[in-house]
């Protein structure tokens, strides 16, 4: 378990671009969810 965590940490340290992209993707997803949530039945369009 500890080896796996350190491995992932090392991977993110070596690839900060992936971490940055993941953060952007998360924010976009949240924005879509919020926009869709306000629309109600508009979730079908997604």
C-alpha atoms as a PDB file:
ATOM      1  CA  UNK A   1       0.000   0.000   0.000  1.00  0.00           C
ATOM      2  CA  UNK A   2       2.717   2.477   1.011  1.00  0.00           C
ATOM      3  CA  UNK A   3       4.723   1.566  -2.097  1.00  0.00           C
ATOM      4  CA  UNK A   4       1.704   2.263  -4.284  1.00  0.00           C
ATOM      5  CA  UNK A   5       1.130   5.707  -2.717  1.00  0.00           C
ATOM      6  CA  UNK A   6       4.802   6.684  -3.077  1.00  0.00           C
ATOM      7  CA  UNK A   7       4.731   5.440  -6.682  1.00  0.00           C
ATOM      8  CA  UNK A   8       1.723   7.634  -7.525  1.00  0.00           C
ATOM      9  CA  UNK A   9       3.312  10.592  -5.754  1.00  0.00           C
ATOM     10  CA  UNK A  10       6.511  10.073  -7.730  1.00  0.00           C
ATOM     11  CA  UNK A  11       4.469   9.831 -10.932  1.00  0.00           C
ATOM     12  CA  UNK A  12       2.694  13.136 -10.245  1.00  0.00           C
ATOM     13  CA  UNK A  13       5.972  14.802  -9.290  1.00  0.00           C
ATOM     14  CA  UNK A  14       7.462  13.710 -12.617  1.00  0.00           C
ATOM     15  CA  UNK A  15       4.335  14.711 -14.545  1.00  0.00           C
ATOM     16  CA  UNK A  16       2.956  18.010 -13.171  1.00  0.00           C
ATOM     17  CA  UNK A  17       1.232  18.613 -16.524  1.00  0.00           C
ATOM     18  CA  UNK A  18      -1.024  15.593 -15.930  1.00  0.00           C
ATOM     19  CA  UNK A  19      -1.920  16.926 -12.464  1.00  0.00           C
ATOM     20  CA  UNK A  20      -2.710  20.349 -13.970  1.00  0.00           C
ATOM     21  CA  UNK A  21      -4.830  18.768 -16.722  1.00  0.00           C
ATOM     22  CA  UNK A  22      -6.655  16.660 -14.126  1.00  0.00           C
ATOM     23  CA  UNK A  23      -7.436  19.812 -12.116  1.00  0.00           C
ATOM     24  CA  UNK A  24      -8.790  21.598 -15.225  1.00  0.00           C
ATOM     25  CA  UNK A  25     -10.882  18.534 -16.186  1.00  0.00           C
ATOM     26  CA  UNK A  26     -12.313  18.413 -12.646  1.00  0.00           C
ATOM     27  CA  UNK A  27     -13.265  22.107 -12.682  1.00  0.00           C
ATOM     28  CA  UNK A  28     -14.863  21.738 -16.135  1.00  0.00           C
ATOM     29  CA  UNK A  29     -16.800  18.685 -14.925  1.00  0.00           C
ATOM     30  CA  UNK A  30     -18.025  20.596 -11.861  1.00  0.00           C
ATOM     31  CA  UNK A  31     -19.065  23.514 -14.091  1.00  0.00           C
ATOM     32  CA  UNK A  32     -20.997  21.147 -16.369  1.00  0.00           C
ATOM     33  CA  UNK A  33     -22.655  19.456 -13.392  1.00  0.00           C
ATOM     34  CA  UNK A  34     -23.636  22.817 -11.884  1.00  0.00           C
ATOM     35  CA  UNK A  35     -24.969  24.093 -15.208  1.00  0.00           C
ATOM     36  CA  UNK A  36     -26.854  20.842 -15.799  1.00  0.00           C
ATOM     37  CA  UNK A  37     -28.166  20.761 -12.249  1.00  0.00           C
ATOM     38  CA  UNK A  38     -29.745  24.202 -12.672  1.00  0.00           C
ATOM     39  CA  UNK A  39     -31.322  23.101 -15.941  1.00  0.00           C
ATOM     40  CA  UNK A  40     -32.928  20.052 -14.295  1.00  0.00           C
ATOM     41  CA  UNK A  41     -33.933  17.808 -17.215  1.00  0.00           C
ATOM     42  CA  UNK A  42     -31.123  19.258 -19.355  1.00  0.00           C
ATOM     43  CA  UNK A  43     -28.928  16.399 -18.085  1.00  0.00           C
ATOM     44  CA  UNK A  44     -30.277  14.335 -21.011  1.00  0.00           C
ATOM     45  CA  UNK A  45     -28.557  16.735 -23.439  1.00  0.00           C
ATOM     46  CA  UNK A  46     -25.165  15.943 -21.893  1.00  0.00           C
END
